[in-house]
Amino acid sequence: MEKNRRESLREIRNRVDGLWWESPIEELNLFQLQHLKKALEILKQKVEKEAQMVNNNAFPFQTLGSAWTPPNCAS
């Protein structure tokens, strides 16, 4: 397993463009796929956090149980 990782890292470093993640999925090895998966999971968490912050800042005075409801959110 460790030998495969070393070889994968060597392949990554030897790529001319250095952008292995732009290769077709079918050409990525297991180590690269695992690395890509982890990077996408981290990106998803950051996007969710940013979306939550934007959503919270859209109506900063609205709290749970608030009497004020934006017109487009009225039931």
PDB file of N, CA and C in Angstrom:
ATOM      1  N   MET A   1       0.834  -1.195   0.000  1.00  0.00           N
ATOM      2  CA  MET A   1       0.000   0.000   0.000  1.00  0.00           C
ATOM      3  C   MET A   1       0.876   1.256   0.000  1.00  0.00           C
ATOM      4  N   GLU A   2       1.873   1.294   0.877  1.00  0.00           N
ATOM      5  CA  GLU A   2       2.759   2.462   0.950  1.00  0.00           C
ATOM      6  C   GLU A   2       3.559   2.616  -0.342  1.00  0.00           C
ATOM      7  N   LYS A   3       3.943   1.496  -0.923  1.00  0.00           N
ATOM      8  CA  LYS A   3       4.681   1.552  -2.183  1.00  0.00           C
ATOM      9  C   LYS A   3       3.798   2.154  -3.276  1.00  0.00           C
ATOM     10  N   ASN A   4       2.527   1.774  -3.285  1.00  0.00           N
ATOM     11  CA  ASN A   4       1.592   2.326  -4.266  1.00  0.00           C
ATOM     12  C   ASN A   4       1.430   3.831  -4.079  1.00  0.00           C
ATOM     13  N   ARG A   5       1.372   4.269  -2.839  1.00  0.00           N
ATOM     14  CA  ARG A   5       1.248   5.708  -2.574  1.00  0.00           C
ATOM     15  C   ARG A   5       2.467   6.467  -3.074  1.00  0.00           C
ATOM     16  N   ARG A   6       3.642   5.926  -2.796  1.00  0.00           N
ATOM     17  CA  ARG A   6       4.863   6.583  -3.265  1.00  0.00           C
ATOM     18  C   ARG A   6       4.859   6.684  -4.783  1.00  0.00           C
ATOM     19  N   GLU A   7       4.465   5.593  -5.419  1.00  0.00           N
ATOM     20  CA  GLU A   7       4.422   5.593  -6.878  1.00  0.00           C
ATOM     21  C   GLU A   7       3.377   6.584  -7.394  1.00  0.00           C
ATOM     22  N   SER A   8       2.241   6.651  -6.731  1.00  0.00           N
ATOM     23  CA  SER A   8       1.203   7.604  -7.128  1.00  0.00           C
ATOM     24  C   SER A   8       1.694   9.034  -6.990  1.00  0.00           C
ATOM     25  N   LEU A   9       2.351   9.314  -5.871  1.00  0.00           N
ATOM     26  CA  LEU A   9       2.883  10.659  -5.665  1.00  0.00           C
ATOM     27  C   LEU A   9       3.948  10.993  -6.704  1.00  0.00           C
ATOM     28  N   ARG A  10       4.759  10.009  -7.041  1.00  0.00           N
ATOM     29  CA  ARG A  10       5.784  10.214  -8.060  1.00  0.00           C
ATOM     30  C   ARG A  10       5.127  10.529  -9.405  1.00  0.00           C
ATOM     31  N   GLU A  11       4.067   9.791  -9.735  1.00  0.00           N
ATOM     32  CA  GLU A  11       3.342  10.051 -10.982  1.00  0.00           C
ATOM     33  C   GLU A  11       2.771  11.466 -10.993  1.00  0.00           C
ATOM     34  N   ILE A  12       2.213  11.866  -9.874  1.00  0.00           N
ATOM     35  CA  ILE A  12       1.626  13.202  -9.775  1.00  0.00           C
ATOM     36  C   ILE A  12       2.694  14.262 -10.008  1.00  0.00           C
ATOM     37  N   ARG A  13       3.837  14.090  -9.356  1.00  0.00           N
ATOM     38  CA  ARG A  13       4.917  15.073  -9.497  1.00  0.00           C
ATOM     39  C   ARG A  13       5.476  15.091 -10.913  1.00  0.00           C
ATOM     40  N   ASN A  14       5.458  13.945 -11.582  1.00  0.00           N
ATOM     41  CA  ASN A  14       6.037  13.855 -12.916  1.00  0.00           C
ATOM     42  C   ASN A  14       5.112  14.361 -14.020  1.00  0.00           C
ATOM     43  N   ARG A  15       3.862  14.556 -13.724  1.00  0.00           N
ATOM     44  CA  ARG A  15       2.946  15.073 -14.753  1.00  0.00           C
ATOM     45  C   ARG A  15       3.417  16.459 -15.173  1.00  0.00           C
ATOM     46  N   VAL A  16       3.401  16.683 -16.456  1.00  0.00           N
ATOM     47  CA  VAL A  16       3.890  17.950 -16.993  1.00  0.00           C
ATOM     48  C   VAL A  16       3.064  19.116 -16.482  1.00  0.00           C
ATOM     49  N   ASP A  17       1.752  19.005 -16.537  1.00  0.00           N
ATOM     50  CA  ASP A  17       0.903  20.118 -16.135  1.00  0.00           C
ATOM     51  C   ASP A  17       0.638  20.148 -14.641  1.00  0.00           C
ATOM     52  N   GLY A  18       0.852  19.046 -13.945  1.00  0.00           N
ATOM     53  CA  GLY A  18       0.654  19.003 -12.506  1.00  0.00           C
ATOM     54  C   GLY A  18      -0.798  19.045 -12.077  1.00  0.00           C
ATOM     55  N   LEU A  19      -1.721  18.943 -13.002  1.00  0.00           N
ATOM     56  CA  LEU A  19      -3.145  19.018 -12.679  1.00  0.00           C
ATOM     57  C   LEU A  19      -3.797  17.644 -12.844  1.00  0.00           C
ATOM     58  N   TRP A  20      -3.368  16.688 -12.049  1.00  0.00           N
ATOM     59  CA  TRP A  20      -3.879  15.327 -12.183  1.00  0.00           C
ATOM     60  C   TRP A  20      -5.376  15.257 -11.968  1.00  0.00           C
ATOM     61  N   TRP A  21      -5.953  16.165 -11.167  1.00  0.00           N
ATOM     62  CA  TRP A  21      -7.379  16.125 -10.869  1.00  0.00           C
ATOM     63  C   TRP A  21      -8.225  16.515 -12.084  1.00  0.00           C
ATOM     64  N   GLU A  22      -7.604  17.063 -13.119  1.00  0.00           N
ATOM     65  CA  GLU A  22      -8.331  17.381 -14.338  1.00  0.00           C
ATOM     66  C   GLU A  22      -8.350  16.202 -15.304  1.00  0.00           C
ATOM     67  N   SER A  23      -7.661  15.132 -14.961  1.00  0.00           N
ATOM     68  CA  SER A  23      -7.676  13.932 -15.789  1.00  0.00           C
ATOM     69  C   SER A  23      -9.041  13.276 -15.703  1.00  0.00           C
ATOM     70  N   PRO A  24      -9.415  12.501 -16.726  1.00  0.00           N
ATOM     71  CA  PRO A  24     -10.676  11.755 -16.634  1.00  0.00           C
ATOM     72  C   PRO A  24     -10.650  10.832 -15.417  1.00  0.00           C
ATOM     73  N   ILE A  25     -11.791  10.679 -14.770  1.00  0.00           N
ATOM     74  CA  ILE A  25     -11.899   9.845 -13.563  1.00  0.00           C
ATOM     75  C   ILE A  25     -11.336   8.447 -13.810  1.00  0.00           C
ATOM     76  N   GLU A  26     -11.573   7.927 -14.993  1.00  0.00           N
ATOM     77  CA  GLU A  26     -11.128   6.563 -15.315  1.00  0.00           C
ATOM     78  C   GLU A  26      -9.609   6.422 -15.264  1.00  0.00           C
ATOM     79  N   GLU A  27      -8.887   7.523 -15.420  1.00  0.00           N
ATOM     80  CA  GLU A  27      -7.423   7.468 -15.429  1.00  0.00           C
ATOM     81  C   GLU A  27      -6.809   7.643 -14.044  1.00  0.00           C
ATOM     82  N   LEU A  28      -7.603   7.997 -13.040  1.00  0.00           N
ATOM     83  CA  LEU A  28      -7.074   8.196 -11.692  1.00  0.00           C
ATOM     84  C   LEU A  28      -6.942   6.860 -10.978  1.00  0.00           C
ATOM     85  N   ASN A  29      -5.898   6.729 -10.177  1.00  0.00           N
ATOM     86  CA  ASN A  29      -5.738   5.508  -9.394  1.00  0.00           C
ATOM     87  C   ASN A  29      -6.456   5.667  -8.052  1.00  0.00           C
ATOM     88  N   LEU A  30      -6.436   4.637  -7.250  1.00  0.00           N
ATOM     89  CA  LEU A  30      -7.169   4.635  -5.985  1.00  0.00           C
ATOM     90  C   LEU A  30      -6.733   5.775  -5.067  1.00  0.00           C
ATOM     91  N   PHE A  31      -5.444   5.973  -4.926  1.00  0.00           N
ATOM     92  CA  PHE A  31      -4.943   7.039  -4.055  1.00  0.00           C
ATOM     93  C   PHE A  31      -5.435   8.401  -4.527  1.00  0.00           C
ATOM     94  N   GLN A  32      -5.373   8.645  -5.824  1.00  0.00           N
ATOM     95  CA  GLN A  32      -5.829   9.920  -6.373  1.00  0.00           C
ATOM     96  C   GLN A  32      -7.332  10.097  -6.175  1.00  0.00           C
ATOM     97  N   LEU A  33      -8.091   9.022  -6.361  1.00  0.00           N
ATOM     98  CA  LEU A  33      -9.539   9.087  -6.154  1.00  0.00           C
ATOM     99  C   LEU A  33      -9.871   9.389  -4.697  1.00  0.00           C
ATOM    100  N   GLN A  34      -9.146   8.766  -3.771  1.00  0.00           N
ATOM    101  CA  GLN A  34      -9.380   9.031  -2.350  1.00  0.00           C
ATOM    102  C   GLN A  34      -9.040  10.481  -2.013  1.00  0.00           C
ATOM    103  N   HIS A  35      -7.966  10.971  -2.572  1.00  0.00           N
ATOM    104  CA  HIS A  35      -7.550  12.360  -2.341  1.00  0.00           C
ATOM    105  C   HIS A  35      -8.595  13.322  -2.913  1.00  0.00           C
ATOM    106  N   LEU A  36      -9.078  13.030  -4.102  1.00  0.00           N
ATOM    107  CA  LEU A  36     -10.099  13.861  -4.735  1.00  0.00           C
ATOM    108  C   LEU A  36     -11.392  13.841  -3.932  1.00  0.00           C
ATOM    109  N   LYS A  37     -11.779  12.670  -3.443  1.00  0.00           N
ATOM    110  CA  LYS A  37     -12.997  12.548  -2.639  1.00  0.00           C
ATOM    111  C   LYS A  37     -12.897  13.405  -1.379  1.00  0.00           C
ATOM    112  N   LYS A  38     -11.768  13.324  -0.694  1.00  0.00           N
ATOM    113  CA  LYS A  38     -11.578  14.108   0.529  1.00  0.00           C
ATOM    114  C   LYS A  38     -11.621  15.606   0.223  1.00  0.00           C
ATOM    115  N   ALA A  39     -10.987  16.015  -0.860  1.00  0.00           N
ATOM    116  CA  ALA A  39     -10.994  17.432  -1.239  1.00  0.00           C
ATOM    117  C   ALA A  39     -12.410  17.904  -1.549  1.00  0.00           C
ATOM    118  N   LEU A  40     -13.202  17.065  -2.214  1.00  0.00           N
ATOM    119  CA  LEU A  40     -14.584  17.432  -2.526  1.00  0.00           C
ATOM    120  C   LEU A  40     -15.440  17.499  -1.269  1.00  0.00           C
ATOM    121  N   GLU A  41     -15.187  16.608  -0.309  1.00  0.00           N
ATOM    122  CA  GLU A  41     -15.924  16.647   0.960  1.00  0.00           C
ATOM    123  C   GLU A  41     -15.621  17.939   1.716  1.00  0.00           C
ATOM    124  N   ILE A  42     -14.361  18.339   1.734  1.00  0.00           N
ATOM    125  CA  ILE A  42     -13.968  19.584   2.398  1.00  0.00           C
ATOM    126  C   ILE A  42     -14.605  20.775   1.688  1.00  0.00           C
ATOM    127  N   LEU A  43     -14.593  20.750   0.362  1.00  0.00           N
ATOM    128  CA  LEU A  43     -15.218  21.827  -0.407  1.00  0.00           C
ATOM    129  C   LEU A  43     -16.708  21.916  -0.102  1.00  0.00           C
ATOM    130  N   LYS A  44     -17.374  20.776  -0.022  1.00  0.00           N
ATOM    131  CA  LYS A  44     -18.807  20.751   0.283  1.00  0.00           C
ATOM    132  C   LYS A  44     -19.077  21.384   1.650  1.00  0.00           C
ATOM    133  N   GLN A  45     -18.265  21.043   2.638  1.00  0.00           N
ATOM    134  CA  GLN A  45     -18.434  21.612   3.976  1.00  0.00           C
ATOM    135  C   GLN A  45     -18.257  23.127   3.952  1.00  0.00           C
ATOM    136  N   LYS A  46     -17.265  23.600   3.213  1.00  0.00           N
ATOM    137  CA  LYS A  46     -17.024  25.042   3.131  1.00  0.00           C
ATOM    138  C   LYS A  46     -18.175  25.756   2.429  1.00  0.00           C
ATOM    139  N   VAL A  47     -18.699  25.152   1.363  1.00  0.00           N
ATOM    140  CA  VAL A  47     -19.818  25.756   0.637  1.00  0.00           C
ATOM    141  C   VAL A  47     -21.058  25.799   1.519  1.00  0.00           C
ATOM    142  N   GLU A  48     -21.330  24.710   2.249  1.00  0.00           N
ATOM    143  CA  GLU A  48     -22.483  24.683   3.148  1.00  0.00           C
ATOM    144  C   GLU A  48     -22.350  25.751   4.236  1.00  0.00           C
ATOM    145  N   LYS A  49     -21.160  25.892   4.782  1.00  0.00           N
ATOM    146  CA  LYS A  49     -20.929  26.891   5.829  1.00  0.00           C
ATOM    147  C   LYS A  49     -21.127  28.299   5.274  1.00  0.00           C
ATOM    148  N   GLU A  50     -20.580  28.553   4.097  1.00  0.00           N
ATOM    149  CA  GLU A  50     -20.722  29.871   3.473  1.00  0.00           C
ATOM    150  C   GLU A  50     -22.187  30.163   3.143  1.00  0.00           C
ATOM    151  N   ALA A  51     -22.911  29.171   2.624  1.00  0.00           N
ATOM    152  CA  ALA A  51     -24.328  29.356   2.305  1.00  0.00           C
ATOM    153  C   ALA A  51     -25.128  29.653   3.563  1.00  0.00           C
ATOM    154  N   GLN A  52     -24.800  28.985   4.645  1.00  0.00           N
ATOM    155  CA  GLN A  52     -25.493  29.225   5.909  1.00  0.00           C
ATOM    156  C   GLN A  52     -25.212  30.645   6.404  1.00  0.00           C
ATOM    157  N   MET A  53     -23.978  31.096   6.276  1.00  0.00           N
ATOM    158  CA  MET A  53     -23.640  32.453   6.703  1.00  0.00           C
ATOM    159  C   MET A  53     -24.381  33.490   5.854  1.00  0.00           C
ATOM    160  N   VAL A  54     -24.437  33.272   4.546  1.00  0.00           N
ATOM    161  CA  VAL A  54     -25.148  34.194   3.657  1.00  0.00           C
ATOM    162  C   VAL A  54     -26.626  34.206   4.003  1.00  0.00           C
ATOM    163  N   ASN A  55     -27.189  33.039   4.231  1.00  0.00           N
ATOM    164  CA  ASN A  55     -28.607  32.928   4.570  1.00  0.00           C
ATOM    165  C   ASN A  55     -28.899  33.624   5.895  1.00  0.00           C
ATOM    166  N   ASN A  56     -28.038  33.458   6.875  1.00  0.00           N
ATOM    167  CA  ASN A  56     -28.231  34.097   8.182  1.00  0.00           C
ATOM    168  C   ASN A  56     -28.102  35.613   8.090  1.00  0.00           C
ATOM    169  N   ASN A  57     -27.233  36.090   7.217  1.00  0.00           N
ATOM    170  CA  ASN A  57     -27.032  37.529   7.070  1.00  0.00           C
ATOM    171  C   ASN A  57     -28.096  38.186   6.204  1.00  0.00           C
ATOM    172  N   ALA A  58     -28.862  37.395   5.452  1.00  0.00           N
ATOM    173  CA  ALA A  58     -29.892  37.957   4.586  1.00  0.00           C
ATOM    174  C   ALA A  58     -30.978  38.631   5.418  1.00  0.00           C
ATOM    175  N   PHE A  59     -31.318  38.052   6.553  1.00  0.00           N
ATOM    176  CA  PHE A  59     -32.340  38.584   7.450  1.00  0.00           C
ATOM    177  C   PHE A  59     -31.789  38.575   8.876  1.00  0.00           C
ATOM    178  N   PRO A  60     -30.870  39.475   9.189  1.00  0.00           N
ATOM    179  CA  PRO A  60     -30.177  39.422  10.481  1.00  0.00           C
ATOM    180  C   PRO A  60     -31.078  39.633  11.691  1.00  0.00           C
ATOM    181  N   PHE A  61     -32.234  40.273  11.514  1.00  0.00           N
ATOM    182  CA  PHE A  61     -33.093  40.541  12.661  1.00  0.00           C
ATOM    183  C   PHE A  61     -34.166  39.482  12.840  1.00  0.00           C
ATOM    184  N   GLN A  62     -34.237  38.552  11.919  1.00  0.00           N
ATOM    185  CA  GLN A  62     -35.236  37.498  12.025  1.00  0.00           C
ATOM    186  C   GLN A  62     -34.687  36.389  12.925  1.00  0.00           C
ATOM    187  N   THR A  63     -35.423  36.087  13.958  1.00  0.00           N
ATOM    188  CA  THR A  63     -35.026  35.015  14.862  1.00  0.00           C
ATOM    189  C   THR A  63     -36.174  34.034  14.969  1.00  0.00           C
ATOM    190  N   LEU A  64     -35.916  32.909  15.545  1.00  0.00           N
ATOM    191  CA  LEU A  64     -36.957  31.913  15.744  1.00  0.00           C
ATOM    192  C   LEU A  64     -38.055  32.518  16.598  1.00  0.00           C
ATOM    193  N   GLY A  65     -39.266  32.486  16.102  1.00  0.00           N
ATOM    194  CA  GLY A  65     -40.388  33.043  16.842  1.00  0.00           C
ATOM    195  C   GLY A  65     -40.571  34.530  16.629  1.00  0.00           C
ATOM    196  N   SER A  66     -39.833  35.107  15.690  1.00  0.00           N
ATOM    197  CA  SER A  66     -39.952  36.535  15.418  1.00  0.00           C
ATOM    198  C   SER A  66     -41.304  36.848  14.801  1.00  0.00           C
ATOM    199  N   ALA A  67     -41.852  38.010  15.140  1.00  0.00           N
ATOM    200  CA  ALA A  67     -43.135  38.440  14.587  1.00  0.00           C
ATOM    201  C   ALA A  67     -42.965  38.932  13.159  1.00  0.00           C
ATOM    202  N   TRP A  68     -41.757  39.330  12.782  1.00  0.00           N
ATOM    203  CA  TRP A  68     -41.526  39.852  11.443  1.00  0.00           C
ATOM    204  C   TRP A  68     -41.176  38.715  10.501  1.00  0.00           C
ATOM    205  N   THR A  69     -41.918  38.598   9.413  1.00  0.00           N
ATOM    206  CA  THR A  69     -41.648  37.582   8.408  1.00  0.00           C
ATOM    207  C   THR A  69     -41.527  38.281   7.065  1.00  0.00           C
ATOM    208  N   PRO A  70     -40.485  38.008   6.304  1.00  0.00           N
ATOM    209  CA  PRO A  70     -40.350  38.624   4.989  1.00  0.00           C
ATOM    210  C   PRO A  70     -41.567  38.295   4.123  1.00  0.00           C
ATOM    211  N   PRO A  71     -42.007  39.203   3.262  1.00  0.00           N
ATOM    212  CA  PRO A  71     -43.213  39.002   2.463  1.00  0.00           C
ATOM    213  C   PRO A  71     -43.196  37.731   1.623  1.00  0.00           C
ATOM    214  N   ASN A  72     -42.074  37.360   1.056  1.00  0.00           N
ATOM    215  CA  ASN A  72     -42.033  36.172   0.209  1.00  0.00           C
ATOM    216  C   ASN A  72     -41.984  34.881   1.016  1.00  0.00           C
ATOM    217  N   CYS A  73     -41.924  34.962   2.325  1.00  0.00           N
ATOM    218  CA  CYS A  73     -41.858  33.771   3.171  1.00  0.00           C
ATOM    219  C   CYS A  73     -43.157  33.558   3.947  1.00  0.00           C
ATOM    220  N   ALA A  74     -44.139  34.425   3.749  1.00  0.00           N
ATOM    221  CA  ALA A  74     -45.394  34.309   4.501  1.00  0.00           C
ATOM    222  C   ALA A  74     -46.116  33.034   4.103  1.00  0.00           C
ATOM    223  N   SER A  75     -46.724  32.391   5.073  1.00  0.00           N
ATOM    224  CA  SER A  75     -47.432  31.135   4.799  1.00  0.00           C
ATOM    225  C   SER A  75     -48.816  31.395   4.279  1.00  0.00           C
TER     226      SER A  75
END
